[in-house]
Amino acid sequence: MKKLLLIILFFELCSCDGIFGVSDYAGSATNIVDAKKSKLLKNIYTPSKSKVFINSEEYEIIEAWTSNRFNTNRSKELNKFVYDFLIIVKNSKTKEEGLSARTTPNYSKYVKFYVTDCVYCGGIETDKLIIQFDSKKTPSSPDFIKVGFKSGIKEDMVTFKKKN
């Protein structure tokens, strides 16, 4: 019985991330400069509007891009299955990047991603809005990506156009 418990404990400690408590998750690039430097940048996008209202707060759209990611932090091998579309917004009043603390828990009420063929069709990753595309279904970055930003009953539709 002790051996069984030790084996289970060993696999629990070494599963997923390799070493217990040490994550090897390869997140997305923090911004366009970081994506370029890491050679992960696919495309840069231009929004049809530079300012939007989200949950009664004004935000500036700072950057939007598509980026590959590595399989793990320790590996420099590209993940062949997914790539990300990322948007950085900044609160016009507070100058903080990302959605405010009062909006983040319910972001899906205020941000709508109008996309298909995505693995993760809209969310937040370290203060960035993100869509994760399936590389097999959508091998190249879409020419246009539409995102709706809501404040009250009004929705600002922003079209992000891929730069050539």
Protein backbone atom coordinates (compact mmCIF):
# COMPACT_ATOMS: atom_id res chain seq x y z
CA MET A 1 0.00 0.00 0.00
CA LYS A 2 2.88 2.38 0.85
CA LYS A 3 4.46 1.70 -2.54
CA LEU A 4 1.21 2.51 -4.30
CA LEU A 5 0.90 5.79 -2.41
CA LEU A 6 4.51 6.68 -3.19
CA ILE A 7 3.99 5.94 -6.90
CA ILE A 8 0.84 8.05 -7.00
CA LEU A 9 2.58 10.87 -5.13
CA PHE A 10 5.55 10.70 -7.52
CA PHE A 11 3.32 10.96 -10.61
CA GLU A 12 1.29 13.75 -9.04
CA LEU A 13 4.41 15.78 -8.31
CA CYS A 14 5.93 15.23 -11.76
CA SER A 15 2.81 15.44 -13.90
CA CYS A 16 1.97 18.20 -16.38
CA ASP A 17 4.58 20.82 -15.56
CA GLY A 18 7.41 18.44 -14.75
CA ILE A 19 8.27 19.74 -11.30
CA PHE A 20 5.60 20.44 -8.73
CA GLY A 21 4.90 24.17 -8.44
CA VAL A 22 7.01 25.15 -11.48
CA SER A 23 4.91 25.96 -14.52
CA ASP A 24 6.30 25.50 -18.01
CA TYR A 25 3.22 26.98 -19.68
CA ALA A 26 4.20 29.11 -22.66
CA GLY A 27 1.87 32.07 -22.61
CA SER A 28 1.40 34.56 -25.39
CA ALA A 29 3.78 37.38 -26.29
CA THR A 30 3.32 40.42 -24.04
CA ASN A 31 3.20 42.91 -26.94
CA ILE A 32 4.16 43.35 -30.60
CA VAL A 33 7.78 44.22 -29.79
CA ASP A 34 8.11 41.05 -27.68
CA ALA A 35 6.49 38.94 -30.43
CA LYS A 36 8.91 40.35 -33.04
CA LYS A 37 11.93 39.84 -30.79
CA SER A 38 10.94 36.22 -30.13
CA LYS A 39 10.18 35.67 -33.86
CA LEU A 40 6.57 34.76 -33.00
CA LEU A 41 4.78 37.67 -34.74
CA LYS A 42 2.47 36.65 -37.57
CA ASN A 43 0.57 39.86 -38.39
CA ILE A 44 -0.24 43.31 -37.02
CA TYR A 45 -3.84 44.57 -37.11
CA THR A 46 -5.32 48.06 -37.29
CA PRO A 47 -8.66 48.72 -35.52
CA SER A 48 -11.47 50.63 -37.28
CA LYS A 49 -11.87 52.66 -34.05
CA SER A 50 -9.14 53.61 -31.61
CA LYS A 51 -11.45 54.27 -28.63
CA VAL A 52 -14.35 52.20 -27.31
CA PHE A 53 -16.60 52.16 -24.26
CA ILE A 54 -16.64 48.97 -22.19
CA ASN A 55 -18.99 48.83 -19.20
CA SER A 56 -19.28 52.66 -19.09
CA GLU A 57 -15.50 53.18 -19.17
CA GLU A 58 -13.53 54.55 -22.11
CA TYR A 59 -10.63 52.46 -23.40
CA GLU A 60 -7.98 53.03 -26.04
CA ILE A 61 -7.04 50.14 -28.30
CA ILE A 62 -3.24 50.13 -28.06
CA GLU A 63 -2.17 47.09 -30.11
CA ALA A 64 -3.63 44.11 -31.94
CA TRP A 65 -1.68 41.26 -33.52
CA THR A 66 -1.53 37.55 -34.24
CA SER A 67 1.29 35.56 -32.74
CA ASN A 68 2.54 32.01 -32.58
CA ARG A 69 3.59 30.59 -29.24
CA PHE A 70 6.15 28.05 -28.13
CA ASN A 71 5.14 24.59 -26.90
CA THR A 72 6.72 25.29 -23.51
CA ASN A 73 8.85 27.98 -21.88
CA ARG A 74 11.88 25.69 -22.03
CA SER A 75 11.35 24.75 -25.69
CA LYS A 76 11.81 27.04 -28.67
CA GLU A 77 9.70 24.71 -30.82
CA LEU A 78 6.60 26.43 -32.21
CA ASN A 79 3.18 25.15 -31.22
CA LYS A 80 1.80 23.86 -34.54
CA PHE A 81 -1.78 23.57 -33.35
CA VAL A 82 -2.76 27.10 -32.29
CA TYR A 83 -1.90 30.76 -32.68
CA ASP A 84 -3.30 33.80 -30.88
CA PHE A 85 -5.01 37.04 -31.80
CA LEU A 86 -4.31 39.53 -29.01
CA ILE A 87 -5.62 43.00 -28.18
CA ILE A 88 -4.18 45.39 -25.62
CA VAL A 89 -6.59 48.02 -24.31
CA LYS A 90 -5.79 50.84 -21.89
CA ASN A 91 -8.29 52.60 -19.65
CA SER A 92 -8.39 56.25 -20.79
CA LYS A 93 -8.95 57.55 -17.25
CA THR A 94 -6.61 55.37 -15.15
CA LYS A 95 -4.05 54.69 -17.94
CA GLU A 96 -3.89 51.05 -16.80
CA GLU A 97 -3.64 48.33 -19.41
CA GLY A 98 -6.32 45.66 -19.43
CA LEU A 99 -9.93 45.74 -18.34
CA SER A 100 -10.80 47.29 -15.00
CA ALA A 101 -11.28 45.14 -11.92
CA ARG A 102 -15.05 45.68 -12.06
CA THR A 103 -15.27 44.57 -15.72
CA THR A 104 -12.83 41.63 -15.79
CA PRO A 105 -14.95 39.10 -13.83
CA ASN A 106 -17.86 39.56 -16.27
CA TYR A 107 -15.90 40.46 -19.42
CA SER A 108 -18.09 38.21 -21.61
CA LYS A 109 -21.02 40.58 -20.98
CA TYR A 110 -19.00 43.44 -22.45
CA VAL A 111 -16.68 41.91 -25.06
CA LYS A 112 -18.00 39.72 -27.90
CA PHE A 113 -15.67 38.02 -30.37
CA TYR A 114 -17.30 37.42 -33.77
CA VAL A 115 -15.07 34.60 -35.01
CA THR A 116 -15.24 30.98 -36.11
CA ASP A 117 -12.71 28.15 -36.24
CA CYS A 118 -11.22 29.11 -32.93
CA VAL A 119 -10.02 26.86 -30.15
CA TYR A 120 -10.56 29.44 -27.41
CA CYS A 121 -13.04 31.96 -28.77
CA GLY A 122 -12.36 34.89 -26.52
CA GLY A 123 -10.97 35.50 -23.10
CA ILE A 124 -8.36 37.32 -21.06
CA GLU A 125 -4.72 36.34 -20.66
CA THR A 126 -2.59 38.56 -18.42
CA ASP A 127 -4.48 41.78 -19.20
CA LYS A 128 -4.81 41.07 -22.94
CA LEU A 129 -7.97 40.09 -24.77
CA ILE A 130 -7.29 36.87 -26.66
CA ILE A 131 -8.69 34.54 -29.29
CA GLN A 132 -6.88 31.29 -29.96
CA PHE A 133 -7.20 29.95 -33.52
CA ASP A 134 -6.86 26.36 -34.70
CA SER A 135 -3.86 26.36 -37.08
CA LYS A 136 -5.27 23.49 -39.11
CA LYS A 137 -8.70 25.09 -39.70
CA THR A 138 -7.37 28.64 -40.10
CA PRO A 139 -3.71 28.30 -41.18
CA SER A 140 -3.20 31.97 -41.98
CA SER A 141 -4.35 34.93 -39.92
CA PRO A 142 -7.80 36.18 -40.98
CA ASP A 143 -7.84 39.41 -43.02
CA PHE A 144 -10.52 40.85 -40.71
CA ILE A 145 -11.53 40.08 -37.14
CA LYS A 146 -14.63 41.65 -35.59
CA VAL A 147 -14.99 42.37 -31.90
CA GLY A 148 -17.96 44.05 -30.19
CA PHE A 149 -17.45 46.19 -27.09
CA LYS A 150 -20.57 46.86 -24.98
CA SER A 151 -21.52 49.65 -22.64
CA GLY A 152 -25.12 49.56 -21.51
CA ILE A 153 -27.23 48.54 -24.51
CA LYS A 154 -24.85 50.09 -27.06
CA GLU A 155 -22.27 47.89 -28.77
CA ASP A 156 -19.28 49.38 -30.59
CA MET A 157 -18.31 47.02 -33.40
CA VAL A 158 -14.60 47.23 -34.18
CA THR A 159 -13.13 45.58 -37.26
CA PHE A 160 -9.46 44.72 -36.98
CA LYS A 161 -7.82 44.73 -40.42
CA LYS A 162 -4.64 42.81 -41.10
CA LYS A 163 -1.77 45.04 -42.29
CA ASN A 164 0.03 43.85 -45.41
